[in-house]
Protein backbone atom coordinates (compact mmCIF):
# COMPACT_ATOMS: atom_id res chain seq x y z
CA MET A 1 0.00 0.00 0.00
CA PRO A 2 1.50 3.35 -0.98
CA THR A 3 2.22 5.81 1.80
CA THR A 4 3.81 9.24 1.84
CA ASP A 5 5.26 9.33 5.34
CA GLY A 6 5.81 7.31 8.49
CA SER A 7 2.73 8.69 10.26
CA LYS A 8 0.48 7.54 7.43
CA THR A 9 2.05 4.09 7.57
CA LEU A 10 1.25 3.91 11.30
CA VAL A 11 -2.36 5.01 10.70
CA THR A 12 -2.73 2.34 8.02
CA LEU A 13 -1.40 -0.41 10.28
CA GLN A 14 -3.74 0.66 13.07
CA GLY A 15 -6.60 0.70 10.61
CA LYS A 16 -5.74 -2.85 9.54
CA LYS A 17 -5.81 -4.20 13.08
CA THR A 18 -9.12 -2.48 13.77
CA ALA A 19 -10.54 -3.78 10.49
CA ILE A 20 -9.55 -7.34 11.39
CA ILE A 21 -11.40 -7.04 14.72
CA VAL A 22 -14.47 -5.52 13.03
CA CYS A 23 -14.46 -8.27 10.39
CA TRP A 24 -14.42 -10.87 13.18
CA LEU A 25 -17.40 -9.22 14.88
CA LEU A 26 -19.28 -8.95 11.58
CA GLY A 27 -18.60 -12.63 10.89
CA ASN A 28 -19.77 -13.56 14.38
CA GLY A 29 -23.01 -11.65 13.85
CA SER A 30 -23.57 -13.27 10.47
CA LEU A 31 -24.41 -16.66 11.98
CA LEU A 32 -24.91 -16.11 15.72
CA ALA A 33 -28.71 -15.94 15.47
CA TRP A 34 -28.93 -19.07 13.32
CA ASN A 35 -26.41 -20.96 15.45
CA SER A 36 -28.42 -20.00 18.52
CA MET A 37 -31.50 -21.58 16.95
CA LEU A 38 -29.53 -24.77 16.26
CA THR A 39 -27.85 -24.85 19.67
CA ILE A 40 -31.14 -24.75 21.61
CA GLU A 41 -32.28 -27.83 19.71
CA ASP A 42 -33.05 -29.59 22.99
CA TYR A 43 -35.63 -26.86 23.72
CA TYR A 44 -37.25 -27.30 20.32
CA GLU A 45 -37.13 -31.09 20.63
CA TYR A 46 -39.02 -30.64 23.91
CA LEU A 47 -41.61 -28.27 22.34
CA PHE A 48 -42.02 -30.15 19.05
CA PRO A 49 -41.13 -33.82 19.74
CA HIS A 50 -42.82 -35.18 16.60
CA TYR A 51 -41.61 -32.66 14.00
CA HIS A 52 -37.82 -33.34 13.86
CA PRO A 53 -37.18 -29.59 14.41
CA VAL A 54 -33.39 -29.64 13.93
CA ARG A 55 -33.64 -31.29 10.51
CA VAL A 56 -36.78 -29.43 9.41
CA LEU A 57 -35.56 -25.96 10.41
CA THR A 58 -32.24 -26.53 8.65
CA LEU A 59 -33.95 -27.89 5.54
CA ILE A 60 -36.35 -24.92 5.37
CA TYR A 61 -33.56 -22.39 5.97
CA GLN A 62 -31.37 -23.55 3.08
CA PRO A 63 -33.64 -23.08 0.00
CA PHE A 64 -34.31 -19.47 0.98
CA ALA A 65 -30.61 -18.83 1.52
CA LEU A 66 -29.64 -20.55 -1.74
CA GLY A 67 -32.37 -18.96 -3.88
CA THR A 68 -31.67 -15.47 -2.56
CA VAL A 69 -27.89 -15.70 -2.97
CA ALA A 70 -28.32 -17.05 -6.52
CA ILE A 71 -30.31 -13.95 -7.50
CA LEU A 72 -27.86 -11.64 -5.74
CA ALA A 73 -24.81 -13.35 -7.27
CA TYR A 74 -26.28 -13.05 -10.76
CA ASN A 75 -26.83 -9.31 -10.27
CA GLU A 76 -23.84 -8.57 -8.00
CA ALA A 77 -22.24 -6.04 -10.37
CA LYS A 78 -25.29 -3.76 -10.08
CA ILE A 79 -26.05 -4.16 -6.38
CA ASN A 80 -25.26 -1.53 -3.76
CA THR A 81 -23.08 -3.59 -1.39
CA ARG A 82 -23.63 -1.27 1.56
CA ARG A 83 -27.41 -1.48 1.28
CA ARG A 84 -27.20 -5.26 0.80
CA ASN A 85 -25.15 -5.91 3.93
CA LEU A 86 -27.10 -3.50 6.10
CA THR A 87 -30.35 -5.11 4.94
CA GLY A 88 -29.02 -8.52 5.91
CA TYR A 89 -27.85 -7.54 9.38
CA THR A 90 -31.09 -5.62 10.03
CA LEU A 91 -33.14 -8.66 9.01
CA PHE A 92 -31.07 -10.81 11.39
CA PHE A 93 -31.81 -8.32 14.18
CA ILE A 94 -35.56 -8.20 13.52
CA SER A 95 -35.82 -11.99 13.18
CA SER A 96 -34.00 -12.54 16.48
CA LEU A 97 -36.47 -10.22 18.19
CA LEU A 98 -39.36 -12.09 16.56
CA VAL A 99 -38.19 -15.36 18.12
CA LEU A 100 -38.44 -13.71 21.54
CA ILE A 101 -41.83 -12.12 20.75
CA LEU A 102 -43.26 -15.42 19.46
CA ASP A 103 -42.12 -17.28 22.58
CA LEU A 104 -43.62 -14.61 24.85
CA ALA A 105 -46.87 -14.52 22.86
CA THR A 106 -47.31 -18.30 23.10
CA SER A 107 -46.05 -18.51 26.70
CA GLY A 108 -43.49 -21.09 25.64
CA LYS A 109 -46.06 -23.58 24.37
CA GLY A 110 -45.58 -25.89 21.39
CA GLY A 111 -48.09 -26.87 18.73
CA ILE A 112 -48.25 -26.66 14.97
CA GLY A 113 -48.97 -22.92 14.93
CA THR A 114 -45.88 -22.08 16.95
CA PHE A 115 -43.80 -24.47 14.86
CA ILE A 116 -44.94 -22.78 11.63
CA GLY A 117 -43.97 -19.42 13.16
CA ILE A 118 -40.49 -20.73 14.04
CA CYS A 119 -40.14 -22.14 10.51
CA SER A 120 -41.07 -18.74 9.04
CA ILE A 121 -38.41 -17.05 11.13
CA SER A 122 -35.94 -19.71 9.97
CA CYS A 123 -36.75 -18.70 6.38
CA SER A 124 -35.99 -15.06 7.18
CA PHE A 125 -32.65 -16.13 8.70
CA GLY A 126 -31.87 -17.85 5.38
CA VAL A 127 -32.60 -14.69 3.39
CA ALA A 128 -30.50 -12.59 5.79
CA ASP A 129 -27.64 -15.08 5.53
CA ALA A 130 -27.67 -14.82 1.73
CA PHE A 131 -27.53 -11.02 1.87
CA VAL A 132 -24.71 -10.93 4.41
CA GLN A 133 -22.43 -13.86 3.54
CA GLY A 134 -22.33 -13.20 -0.19
CA GLY A 135 -22.08 -9.46 0.31
CA MET A 136 -19.34 -9.59 2.94
CA VAL A 137 -17.24 -12.31 1.28
CA GLY A 138 -17.48 -10.46 -2.04
CA ASP A 139 -16.61 -7.16 -0.37
CA LEU A 140 -13.63 -8.61 1.52
CA SER A 141 -12.33 -10.64 -1.43
CA PHE A 142 -10.70 -7.56 -2.98
CA MET A 143 -9.12 -6.58 0.32
CA CYS A 144 -6.26 -8.34 2.14
CA PRO A 145 -6.66 -12.08 2.92
CA GLU A 146 -6.49 -11.45 6.68
CA PHE A 147 -9.88 -9.73 6.50
CA ILE A 148 -11.69 -12.66 4.95
CA GLN A 149 -9.88 -15.07 7.29
CA SER A 150 -11.04 -13.01 10.27
CA PHE A 151 -14.60 -12.87 8.96
CA LEU A 152 -14.65 -16.65 8.48
CA ALA A 153 -13.20 -17.12 11.98
CA GLY A 154 -16.00 -14.93 13.30
CA LEU A 155 -18.53 -17.20 11.58
CA ALA A 156 -17.06 -20.20 13.41
CA ALA A 157 -16.82 -18.24 16.66
CA SER A 158 -20.59 -17.73 16.58
CA GLY A 159 -21.00 -21.50 16.79
CA ALA A 160 -18.43 -21.88 19.56
CA LEU A 161 -19.93 -18.97 21.50
CA SER A 162 -23.48 -20.30 21.21
CA SER A 163 -22.33 -23.78 22.29
CA GLY A 164 -20.46 -22.38 25.28
CA LEU A 165 -23.45 -20.30 26.33
CA ARG A 166 -25.73 -23.31 25.93
CA LEU A 167 -23.56 -25.40 28.26
CA ILE A 168 -23.56 -22.57 30.81
CA THR A 169 -27.32 -21.98 30.61
CA LYS A 170 -27.99 -25.71 30.91
CA ALA A 171 -25.84 -25.85 34.04
CA ILE A 172 -27.61 -22.81 35.52
CA PHE A 173 -31.20 -23.52 34.51
CA ASN A 174 -31.21 -27.32 34.23
CA ASN A 175 -32.83 -27.91 37.62
CA SER A 176 -35.09 -24.86 37.57
CA LYS A 177 -38.68 -24.72 36.43
CA ASP A 178 -39.00 -23.79 32.77
CA GLY A 179 -35.19 -23.89 32.47
CA PHE A 180 -35.18 -24.74 28.74
CA ARG A 181 -37.22 -21.64 27.99
CA LYS A 182 -35.11 -19.30 30.13
CA GLY A 183 -31.95 -20.46 28.35
CA ALA A 184 -33.54 -19.98 24.93
CA MET A 185 -34.74 -16.47 25.80
CA LEU A 186 -31.26 -15.53 26.98
CA PHE A 187 -29.78 -16.85 23.74
CA PHE A 188 -31.92 -14.75 21.47
CA GLY A 189 -31.59 -11.68 23.66
CA ILE A 190 -27.81 -11.92 23.16
CA SER A 191 -28.30 -12.62 19.44
CA ALA A 192 -30.48 -9.55 18.96
CA PHE A 193 -27.89 -7.36 20.69
CA SER A 194 -25.10 -8.84 18.54
CA GLU A 195 -27.01 -8.18 15.30
CA LEU A 196 -27.72 -4.59 16.31
CA LEU A 197 -24.00 -4.16 17.02
CA CYS A 198 -23.19 -5.44 13.52
CA VAL A 199 -25.58 -2.93 11.95
CA LEU A 200 -23.82 -0.10 13.78
CA LEU A 201 -20.30 -1.40 13.04
CA TYR A 202 -20.92 -1.80 9.33
CA ALA A 203 -22.82 1.46 9.01
CA PHE A 204 -20.53 3.80 10.95
CA ILE A 205 -17.14 2.20 11.73
CA PHE A 206 -16.00 -0.14 8.95
CA PRO A 207 -16.32 2.22 5.95
CA LYS A 208 -14.30 4.95 7.70
CA LEU A 209 -11.19 2.84 8.30
CA THR A 210 -8.19 4.01 6.26
CA ILE A 211 -7.29 0.62 4.85
CA VAL A 212 -10.90 -0.15 3.90
CA LYS A 213 -11.21 3.17 2.05
CA TYR A 214 -7.97 2.40 0.22
CA TYR A 215 -9.16 -0.99 -1.06
CA ARG A 216 -12.58 0.31 -2.03
CA SER A 217 -11.05 3.24 -3.90
CA LYS A 218 -8.77 0.80 -5.69
CA ALA A 219 -11.74 -1.40 -6.62
CA ALA A 220 -13.63 1.65 -7.90
CA SER A 221 -10.62 2.64 -10.05
CA GLU A 222 -10.77 -0.85 -11.59
CA GLY A 223 -14.41 -0.46 -12.60
CA SER A 224 -16.38 -1.59 -9.53
CA LYS A 225 -19.80 0.04 -9.23
CA THR A 226 -20.79 -1.71 -6.00
CA VAL A 227 -18.67 0.35 -3.61
CA ALA A 228 -19.98 3.86 -4.34
CA ALA A 229 -22.24 4.06 -1.26
CA ASP A 230 -19.52 2.67 1.02
CA LEU A 231 -17.02 5.17 -0.33
CA ALA A 232 -19.48 7.98 0.36
CA ALA A 233 -20.01 6.64 3.91
CA GLY A 234 -16.23 6.70 4.36
CA GLY A 235 -16.04 10.35 3.32
CA ILE A 236 -15.02 9.77 -0.32
CA HIS A 237 -17.82 11.33 -2.35
CA THR A 238 -16.31 10.90 -5.79
CA GLN A 239 -15.02 7.65 -7.23
CA PRO A 240 -11.59 7.60 -8.85
CA SER A 241 -11.99 8.50 -12.52
CA LEU A 242 -11.78 5.76 -15.15
CA ASP A 243 -9.99 6.16 -18.42
CA GLU A 244 -12.83 5.28 -20.78
CA GLU A 245 -10.42 5.30 -23.72
CA ASP A 246 -8.54 2.39 -22.18
CA PRO A 247 -10.76 -0.65 -22.78
CA LYS A 248 -8.56 -2.88 -20.62
CA GLN A 249 -9.39 -0.78 -17.57
CA LEU A 250 -13.12 -1.29 -18.09
CA GLU A 251 -13.02 -4.95 -19.12
CA ARG A 252 -13.75 -7.68 -16.63
CA LEU A 253 -14.33 -11.39 -16.86
CA SER A 254 -17.94 -12.54 -16.86
CA ASN A 255 -19.35 -14.65 -14.05
CA LYS A 256 -19.31 -17.65 -16.39
CA GLN A 257 -15.63 -17.15 -17.19
CA LEU A 258 -14.76 -16.69 -13.52
CA PHE A 259 -16.69 -19.81 -12.57
CA PHE A 260 -15.00 -22.07 -15.10
CA GLN A 261 -11.54 -20.68 -14.33
CA ASN A 262 -12.14 -21.55 -10.67
CA ILE A 263 -14.39 -24.61 -11.02
CA ASP A 264 -12.12 -26.72 -8.81
CA TYR A 265 -12.44 -24.19 -5.98
CA ALA A 266 -16.21 -24.11 -6.52
CA VAL A 267 -16.42 -27.92 -6.36
CA ASP A 268 -14.19 -27.92 -3.25
CA ILE A 269 -16.38 -25.52 -1.29
CA PHE A 270 -19.55 -27.30 -2.45
CA LEU A 271 -18.29 -30.75 -1.39
CA ILE A 272 -16.90 -29.49 1.92
CA TYR A 273 -20.37 -28.42 3.01
CA VAL A 274 -22.23 -31.33 1.41
CA LEU A 275 -20.24 -33.67 3.64
CA THR A 276 -20.40 -31.51 6.77
CA LEU A 277 -24.15 -30.83 6.65
CA SER A 278 -24.98 -34.44 5.81
CA ILE A 279 -23.69 -35.24 9.31
CA PHE A 280 -23.94 -32.05 11.36
CA PRO A 281 -26.25 -31.13 13.06
CA GLY A 282 -29.01 -33.63 12.08
CA PHE A 283 -27.17 -36.95 12.47
CA ILE A 284 -25.26 -35.65 15.49
CA SER A 285 -28.50 -34.58 17.21
CA GLU A 286 -30.75 -37.56 16.50
CA ASP A 287 -28.77 -40.64 15.47
CA THR A 288 -25.80 -41.02 17.81
CA GLY A 289 -27.62 -42.94 20.54
CA SER A 290 -27.60 -42.50 24.32
CA HIS A 291 -24.43 -42.54 26.41
CA ASN A 292 -23.13 -41.80 29.90
CA LEU A 293 -23.30 -38.04 29.37
CA GLY A 294 -27.08 -38.27 29.03
CA SER A 295 -28.73 -34.99 28.01
CA TRP A 296 -25.30 -33.34 27.89
CA TYR A 297 -24.08 -35.68 25.15
CA ILE A 298 -25.47 -33.84 22.10
CA LEU A 299 -24.43 -30.46 23.51
CA VAL A 300 -20.88 -31.72 24.01
CA LEU A 301 -20.78 -33.04 20.43
CA ILE A 302 -22.01 -29.73 19.00
CA ALA A 303 -19.56 -27.80 21.17
CA SER A 304 -16.69 -30.07 20.05
CA TYR A 305 -17.48 -29.44 16.40
CA ASN A 306 -17.81 -25.67 16.86
CA VAL A 307 -14.65 -25.22 18.94
CA TRP A 308 -12.44 -27.18 16.52
CA ASP A 309 -14.04 -25.45 13.54
CA LEU A 310 -13.02 -22.13 15.12
CA ILE A 311 -9.47 -23.27 15.97
CA ALA A 312 -8.95 -24.59 12.44
CA ARG A 313 -9.78 -21.24 10.86
CA TYR A 314 -6.68 -19.73 12.46
CA ILE A 315 -4.30 -22.45 11.27
CA PRO A 316 -3.90 -20.88 7.77
CA LEU A 317 -2.39 -17.79 9.44
CA ILE A 318 0.72 -19.97 9.80
CA LYS A 319 1.96 -19.91 6.22
CA CYS A 320 3.83 -23.21 6.38
CA LEU A 321 0.56 -24.92 7.40
CA THR A 322 -1.56 -23.33 4.67
CA LEU A 323 -2.71 -25.61 1.87
CA THR A 324 -2.56 -23.64 -1.41
CA SER A 325 -2.15 -26.41 -3.99
CA ARG A 326 -5.32 -26.73 -6.05
CA LYS A 327 -4.76 -30.48 -6.42
CA GLY A 328 -4.03 -30.81 -2.71
CA LEU A 329 -7.25 -28.99 -1.79
CA MET A 330 -9.28 -31.29 -4.04
CA ASN A 331 -7.67 -34.44 -2.59
CA ALA A 332 -8.22 -33.23 0.98
CA THR A 333 -11.86 -32.39 0.20
CA LEU A 334 -12.58 -35.80 -1.34
CA SER A 335 -10.84 -37.66 1.49
CA ARG A 336 -13.36 -36.19 3.97
CA PHE A 337 -16.05 -38.50 2.59
CA LEU A 338 -14.42 -41.24 4.66
CA PHE A 339 -16.23 -39.58 7.56
CA ILE A 340 -19.52 -41.13 6.38
CA PRO A 341 -18.62 -44.80 7.11
CA ALA A 342 -16.62 -43.66 10.14
CA PHE A 343 -19.64 -41.96 11.72
CA TYR A 344 -21.95 -44.84 10.77
CA PHE A 345 -19.85 -47.51 12.44
CA THR A 346 -18.96 -45.34 15.42
CA ALA A 347 -22.65 -44.59 16.09
CA LYS A 348 -23.40 -48.31 15.85
CA TYR A 349 -20.46 -49.81 17.71
CA GLY A 350 -18.29 -47.08 19.25
CA ASP A 351 -18.49 -45.30 22.57
CA GLN A 352 -18.92 -41.57 23.21
CA GLY A 353 -15.17 -40.84 23.25
CA TRP A 354 -14.74 -41.98 19.64
CA MET A 355 -17.79 -39.98 18.56
CA ILE A 356 -16.48 -36.81 20.22
CA MET A 357 -13.12 -37.31 18.50
CA LEU A 358 -14.74 -37.82 15.08
CA THR A 359 -16.97 -34.77 15.52
CA SER A 360 -13.94 -32.68 16.47
CA LEU A 361 -12.10 -33.84 13.33
CA LEU A 362 -15.16 -32.97 11.24
CA GLY A 363 -15.07 -29.41 12.58
CA LEU A 364 -11.28 -29.17 12.24
CA THR A 365 -11.26 -30.14 8.55
CA ASN A 366 -14.32 -28.02 7.76
CA GLY A 367 -12.86 -24.81 9.17
CA TYR A 368 -9.36 -25.32 7.78
CA LEU A 369 -10.40 -26.14 4.21
CA THR A 370 -13.01 -23.36 4.12
CA VAL A 371 -10.41 -20.69 4.88
CA CYS A 372 -7.83 -22.21 2.51
CA VAL A 373 -10.27 -22.19 -0.42
CA LEU A 374 -11.86 -18.77 0.14
CA THR A 375 -8.52 -16.99 0.67
CA ALA A 376 -6.73 -18.67 -2.25
CA ALA A 377 -9.39 -18.40 -4.96
CA PRO A 378 -9.74 -14.59 -5.41
CA LYS A 379 -6.02 -13.95 -5.97
CA GLY A 380 -4.85 -12.58 -9.31
CA TYR A 381 -8.02 -10.73 -10.30
CA LYS A 382 -9.21 -7.12 -10.36
CA GLY A 383 -11.51 -5.80 -7.65
CA PRO A 384 -14.84 -6.29 -9.48
CA GLU A 385 -13.82 -9.81 -10.49
CA GLN A 386 -12.80 -10.71 -6.94
CA ASN A 387 -16.15 -9.45 -5.68
CA ALA A 388 -17.99 -11.53 -8.28
CA LEU A 389 -15.91 -14.64 -7.53
CA GLY A 390 -16.54 -14.26 -3.80
CA ASN A 391 -20.29 -14.21 -4.48
CA LEU A 392 -20.03 -17.28 -6.72
CA LEU A 393 -18.11 -19.24 -4.10
CA VAL A 394 -20.69 -18.36 -1.43
CA LEU A 395 -23.38 -19.56 -3.86
CA CYS A 396 -21.54 -22.89 -4.12
CA LEU A 397 -21.12 -23.01 -0.34
CA LEU A 398 -24.85 -22.52 0.25
CA GLY A 399 -25.60 -25.02 -2.51
CA GLY A 400 -23.47 -27.52 -0.62
CA LEU A 401 -25.31 -26.71 2.60
CA PHE A 402 -28.67 -27.34 0.94
CA ALA A 403 -27.54 -30.60 -0.63
CA GLY A 404 -26.03 -31.70 2.68
CA VAL A 405 -29.13 -31.09 4.81
CA THR A 406 -31.21 -32.90 2.18
CA LEU A 407 -28.90 -35.92 2.13
CA ASP A 408 -28.90 -35.90 5.94
CA TRP A 409 -32.42 -37.37 5.83
CA LEU A 410 -30.96 -40.58 4.37
CA TRP A 411 -29.74 -41.44 7.88
CA ARG A 412 -33.42 -41.84 8.84
CA ILE A 413 -33.96 -44.78 6.43
CA GLY A 414 -35.10 -47.82 8.38
CA LYS A 415 -35.72 -45.83 11.57
CA PRO A 416 -39.07 -44.87 13.14
CA TRP A 417 -40.33 -41.40 12.24
């Protein structure tokens, strides 16, 4: 990054550190509400024992996320990124409040009406996820790799945080009357606050950071039309001028060209999440049997996955441990399908220690490969192309999620419904 004096260099470095922290918080807010809904699965299993809430809520969530992100990815070059991300975080905030309002309105009672209401809120979480994940990954793809790594770590941290809180609330409220409900209310109160914080951070803090303004100005000089509102919010009211007589400055690869040039990365991210979601959280929650940990067993499994997923997303910061080979990434992705027979036989014959270890490895490989793919793929392109590629990879990621939660139902074959 060009600088004119030592003081400007210092300001830039400080801006980078602040941006990394903000990216982590924005990533955390991107999935905290949804992870909270998944983590209180024991509450929903108690309210809706015959509806398979964990599997149904996940299955309903994914089509809305996938359909919305497909539309947004197709039109990404024309979309106001600032408005898109703020819309997503605001929708997360409103939906989190609606979970609380619905629970209060029904006095914590189950029934088909309440379940339909929860499913509707799950749909809105899916739409919000599509707005935020595609928008943020696209936005950060033309900035430094540390930003996208921090955002992805924040995504994983939301799962680890929600799991940790769930263990604490279970310990506190487990023996109290209506303890499930108190824990759930606390969860979504925290989620609503977190989403409101993300709205404020993205609206007033992130666009004003020196390093963020630099990358957005650079993207605008390369032909990006999606950053105009963010530049204005950062105090830059005119985009860098383009030389319209230089066709190379205005040219960019189409989405189709970008997709086929990076089809191996697209397949990687798709298969990573097909495998993960075909096991977690549905199989983990319903098909691993009963063990000595009793009602704590599923919570420990979910926490194990989330904690190792978070840890793994920091491993690529150590350059010698980062997997950058395209062939290596594909081989590592395909080798994860060995988890399917491993989980099957462990659930049937193994004890809880082996299942906890397998679940931890599932989270470890998921987090590590996700960061390796999403930080390696956008390199070597101009700003608008990196933004477009980030959106395409998120589309593939959500496509993998949808395929995974659909395939997860295959574990139910031969079992009572």
